[in-house]
Amino acid sequence: MKSELSKRLMSSMVLIPVVFYCIMSGSYYFNFLIITSFLISIFEWNSMNKRKLYSTIGLIFLFISYLTIFLIRNNFGEQSLYFFLVITLTCVSTDLGGYIFGKIFGGPKLTKLSPKKTYSGMIGAFVFSIVVLILFNKYNFISDYYSNKTNINFIFVILIISSVSQIGDIIVSYFKRKAKIKHTGGIIPGHGGLLDRTDGMIFAFPISYLLLTLKFL
């Protein structure tokens, strides 16, 4: 257990700064990150799903998902980076809040599709993501788009993104159980595969792109 935790911490210490740098820098660095992540995700998905129909649908979905990730970071002018960070932070804080609250409070299981998910974790995911994003808006140096105000529409959008992120997590968990595997891969020591860490994001970004296009965010 301690060895696994050590691997998680070490890989996080290496990956987080690299990913953050690529996101902040944009341009070729970001494009390289996205293309590499897309190819790894395709490989993990195909390895996990042997049925041709599932595999094909998943490939189409992953292409659309990564396309929206690229578009959000590049096609929304001065607010592109801000929007990208809002979505990413919502997914990360949702995952972290769900894990912390689920571990502390436990309680009834949320769904058989993902037995580790609990109602307390779901509530914690919502609460933590809202708190983190309100603080981000108040103290961020990227944009004053929602600066110093708690906008009801903004909180509503965060709840939508958080919900979709949690649904994405459950869906990928379902396919992992169906394939009788614990992780989608082993590329990230202590964490598993790339899809293990981005399962919520690949669902959240397409919905977020739709929300941005419709001017909800």
Protein backbone atom coordinates (compact mmCIF):
# COMPACT_ATOMS: atom_id res chain seq x y z
CA MET A 1 0.00 0.00 0.00
CA LYS A 2 2.80 2.41 0.97
CA SER A 3 4.74 1.44 -2.15
CA GLU A 4 1.69 2.17 -4.32
CA LEU A 5 1.17 5.54 -2.63
CA SER A 6 4.85 6.41 -3.13
CA LYS A 7 4.56 5.61 -6.83
CA ARG A 8 1.46 7.81 -7.08
CA LEU A 9 3.18 10.74 -5.41
CA MET A 10 6.34 10.42 -7.49
CA SER A 11 4.52 10.15 -10.81
CA SER A 12 2.24 13.07 -9.85
CA MET A 13 5.24 15.22 -8.94
CA VAL A 14 6.69 14.59 -12.40
CA LEU A 15 3.53 14.71 -14.51
CA ILE A 16 1.61 17.63 -12.98
CA PRO A 17 4.29 20.30 -13.69
CA VAL A 18 4.81 19.00 -17.24
CA VAL A 19 1.09 18.93 -18.05
CA PHE A 20 0.55 22.33 -16.42
CA TYR A 21 3.40 23.84 -18.43
CA CYS A 22 1.99 22.47 -21.70
CA ILE A 23 -1.49 23.79 -20.89
CA MET A 24 -0.26 27.24 -19.92
CA SER A 25 2.14 27.51 -22.86
CA GLY A 26 -0.37 26.37 -25.47
CA SER A 27 0.84 26.21 -29.08
CA TYR A 28 3.07 23.25 -30.00
CA TYR A 29 3.50 22.10 -26.41
CA PHE A 30 -0.23 21.76 -25.87
CA ASN A 31 -0.82 20.19 -29.28
CA PHE A 32 1.88 17.60 -28.59
CA LEU A 33 0.28 16.81 -25.21
CA ILE A 34 -3.17 16.38 -26.75
CA ILE A 35 -2.03 14.25 -29.69
CA THR A 36 0.05 12.01 -27.42
CA SER A 37 -2.81 11.64 -24.92
CA PHE A 38 -5.25 10.85 -27.73
CA LEU A 39 -3.05 8.08 -29.14
CA ILE A 40 -2.51 6.55 -25.69
CA SER A 41 -6.25 6.70 -24.97
CA ILE A 42 -7.02 4.93 -28.26
CA PHE A 43 -4.53 2.20 -27.45
CA GLU A 44 -5.94 1.68 -23.93
CA TRP A 45 -9.53 1.66 -25.16
CA ASN A 46 -8.82 -0.90 -27.89
CA SER A 47 -6.89 -3.07 -25.44
CA MET A 48 -9.79 -2.96 -22.99
CA ASN A 49 -12.61 -3.63 -25.48
CA LYS A 50 -12.47 -6.57 -27.82
CA ARG A 51 -15.94 -6.11 -29.29
CA LYS A 52 -15.78 -4.26 -32.59
CA LEU A 53 -18.93 -2.20 -32.02
CA TYR A 54 -17.80 -0.92 -28.60
CA SER A 55 -14.33 -0.27 -29.94
CA THR A 56 -15.57 1.74 -32.93
CA ILE A 57 -18.04 3.83 -30.92
CA GLY A 58 -15.31 4.52 -28.34
CA LEU A 59 -12.84 5.63 -31.00
CA ILE A 60 -15.36 8.05 -32.50
CA PHE A 61 -16.18 9.40 -29.05
CA LEU A 62 -12.50 9.84 -28.13
CA PHE A 63 -11.87 11.73 -31.37
CA ILE A 64 -14.78 14.10 -30.67
CA SER A 65 -13.70 14.50 -27.05
CA TYR A 66 -10.10 15.41 -27.86
CA LEU A 67 -11.24 17.68 -30.67
CA THR A 68 -13.33 19.68 -28.19
CA ILE A 69 -10.38 19.78 -25.79
CA PHE A 70 -8.27 21.30 -28.57
CA LEU A 71 -10.99 23.76 -29.61
CA ILE A 72 -11.68 25.00 -26.07
CA ARG A 73 -7.99 25.72 -25.49
CA ASN A 74 -7.52 27.49 -28.84
CA ASN A 75 -10.78 28.89 -30.24
CA PHE A 76 -12.24 31.15 -27.55
CA GLY A 77 -9.89 34.10 -27.78
CA GLU A 78 -8.50 35.65 -24.62
CA GLN A 79 -10.75 33.47 -22.45
CA SER A 80 -9.57 30.15 -23.93
CA LEU A 81 -7.07 29.39 -21.20
CA TYR A 82 -9.50 30.49 -18.49
CA PHE A 83 -12.29 28.24 -19.78
CA PHE A 84 -9.89 25.32 -20.13
CA LEU A 85 -8.65 25.70 -16.57
CA VAL A 86 -12.19 26.02 -15.20
CA ILE A 87 -13.23 22.74 -16.82
CA THR A 88 -10.02 20.93 -15.84
CA LEU A 89 -10.17 22.17 -12.24
CA THR A 90 -13.82 21.16 -11.98
CA CYS A 91 -12.99 17.61 -13.08
CA VAL A 92 -9.94 17.33 -10.82
CA SER A 93 -11.73 18.76 -7.76
CA THR A 94 -14.74 16.53 -8.47
CA ASP A 95 -12.51 13.47 -8.48
CA LEU A 96 -10.62 14.58 -5.36
CA GLY A 97 -13.73 15.64 -3.45
CA GLY A 98 -15.49 12.38 -4.26
CA TYR A 99 -12.51 10.35 -3.10
CA ILE A 100 -12.01 12.27 0.17
CA PHE A 101 -15.68 12.40 1.19
CA GLY A 102 -16.23 8.80 0.14
CA LYS A 103 -13.31 7.61 2.25
CA ILE A 104 -14.28 9.67 5.29
CA PHE A 105 -18.06 9.18 5.34
CA GLY A 106 -18.63 6.01 3.30
CA GLY A 107 -22.30 5.09 3.36
CA PRO A 108 -24.71 3.70 0.74
CA LYS A 109 -23.34 2.75 -2.66
CA LEU A 110 -24.28 4.98 -5.57
CA THR A 111 -24.49 2.36 -8.32
CA LYS A 112 -23.59 -1.26 -9.05
CA LEU A 113 -21.79 -0.10 -12.19
CA SER A 114 -19.02 1.28 -9.98
CA PRO A 115 -19.22 -0.31 -6.50
CA LYS A 116 -16.72 2.08 -4.88
CA LYS A 117 -18.89 5.14 -5.60
CA THR A 118 -21.03 6.37 -2.70
CA TYR A 119 -23.67 9.05 -2.21
CA SER A 120 -21.38 10.82 0.23
CA GLY A 121 -18.67 10.84 -2.43
CA MET A 122 -21.07 12.30 -4.98
CA ILE A 123 -22.10 15.10 -2.61
CA GLY A 124 -18.47 15.73 -1.70
CA ALA A 125 -17.56 15.98 -5.37
CA PHE A 126 -20.18 18.70 -5.91
CA VAL A 127 -19.27 20.64 -2.77
CA PHE A 128 -15.52 20.49 -3.32
CA SER A 129 -15.72 21.49 -6.99
CA ILE A 130 -17.91 24.53 -6.20
CA VAL A 131 -15.61 25.69 -3.39
CA VAL A 132 -12.46 25.24 -5.49
CA LEU A 133 -13.89 27.07 -8.50
CA ILE A 134 -15.23 29.97 -6.45
CA LEU A 135 -11.76 30.39 -4.93
CA PHE A 136 -10.16 30.06 -8.35
CA ASN A 137 -12.38 32.81 -9.74
CA LYS A 138 -11.61 35.08 -6.84
CA TYR A 139 -7.83 34.69 -6.87
CA ASN A 140 -6.89 33.63 -10.41
CA PHE A 141 -4.52 35.78 -12.48
CA ILE A 142 -5.75 34.50 -15.83
CA SER A 143 -9.01 36.40 -16.28
CA ASP A 144 -11.50 38.62 -14.47
CA TYR A 145 -14.38 37.00 -16.37
CA TYR A 146 -16.21 36.11 -13.16
CA SER A 147 -13.93 37.96 -10.79
CA ASN A 148 -15.10 38.58 -7.22
CA LYS A 149 -18.69 37.52 -7.74
CA THR A 150 -20.58 34.32 -7.08
CA ASN A 151 -22.65 33.95 -10.22
CA ILE A 152 -25.58 31.49 -9.95
CA ASN A 153 -25.22 30.61 -13.63
CA PHE A 154 -21.54 29.82 -13.10
CA ILE A 155 -22.29 27.51 -10.15
CA PHE A 156 -25.00 25.79 -12.19
CA VAL A 157 -22.52 25.16 -15.01
CA ILE A 158 -19.97 23.78 -12.54
CA LEU A 159 -22.62 21.37 -11.23
CA ILE A 160 -23.33 20.21 -14.80
CA ILE A 161 -19.64 19.67 -15.57
CA SER A 162 -19.11 17.90 -12.25
CA SER A 163 -22.12 15.65 -12.89
CA VAL A 164 -20.91 14.68 -16.36
CA SER A 165 -17.40 14.08 -15.01
CA GLN A 166 -18.79 11.67 -12.40
CA ILE A 167 -20.93 9.92 -15.02
CA GLY A 168 -17.85 9.53 -17.22
CA ASP A 169 -15.96 7.98 -14.31
CA ILE A 170 -18.78 5.48 -13.77
CA ILE A 171 -19.00 4.59 -17.47
CA VAL A 172 -15.28 3.86 -17.76
CA SER A 173 -15.45 1.88 -14.50
CA TYR A 174 -18.26 -0.18 -16.01
CA PHE A 175 -16.17 -1.09 -19.06
CA LYS A 176 -13.19 -1.93 -16.84
CA ARG A 177 -15.37 -4.30 -14.83
CA LYS A 178 -16.75 -5.75 -18.05
CA ALA A 179 -13.20 -6.39 -19.26
CA LYS A 180 -12.28 -7.73 -15.79
CA ILE A 181 -9.37 -5.35 -15.31
CA LYS A 182 -8.49 -2.95 -12.51
CA HIS A 183 -6.77 -0.30 -14.62
CA THR A 184 -7.00 0.70 -18.28
CA GLY A 185 -3.22 0.50 -18.54
CA GLY A 186 0.04 0.90 -16.66
CA ILE A 187 1.62 3.96 -18.23
CA ILE A 188 1.36 6.09 -15.05
CA PRO A 189 3.03 4.35 -12.07
CA GLY A 190 0.69 4.11 -9.10
CA HIS A 191 -2.27 5.43 -11.09
CA GLY A 192 -2.75 2.95 -13.90
CA GLY A 193 -3.62 4.05 -17.40
CA LEU A 194 -4.31 7.46 -18.88
CA LEU A 195 -8.04 6.73 -19.12
CA ASP A 196 -8.03 5.97 -15.39
CA ARG A 197 -7.06 9.59 -14.76
CA THR A 198 -8.98 11.30 -17.56
CA ASP A 199 -12.23 9.28 -17.58
CA GLY A 200 -14.27 12.23 -16.26
CA MET A 201 -12.55 14.81 -18.47
CA ILE A 202 -13.15 13.07 -21.76
CA PHE A 203 -16.89 13.29 -21.06
CA ALA A 204 -16.84 16.75 -19.48
CA PHE A 205 -15.09 18.59 -22.30
CA PRO A 206 -17.63 17.82 -25.07
CA ILE A 207 -20.48 18.97 -22.82
CA SER A 208 -18.49 22.04 -21.80
CA TYR A 209 -17.85 22.90 -25.44
CA LEU A 210 -21.60 22.77 -26.05
CA LEU A 211 -22.20 25.01 -23.02
CA LEU A 212 -19.61 27.49 -24.27
CA THR A 213 -21.07 27.51 -27.77
CA LEU A 214 -24.52 28.21 -26.31
CA LYS A 215 -23.02 30.98 -24.10
CA PHE A 216 -23.94 29.28 -20.82
CA LEU A 217 -20.41 29.65 -19.46
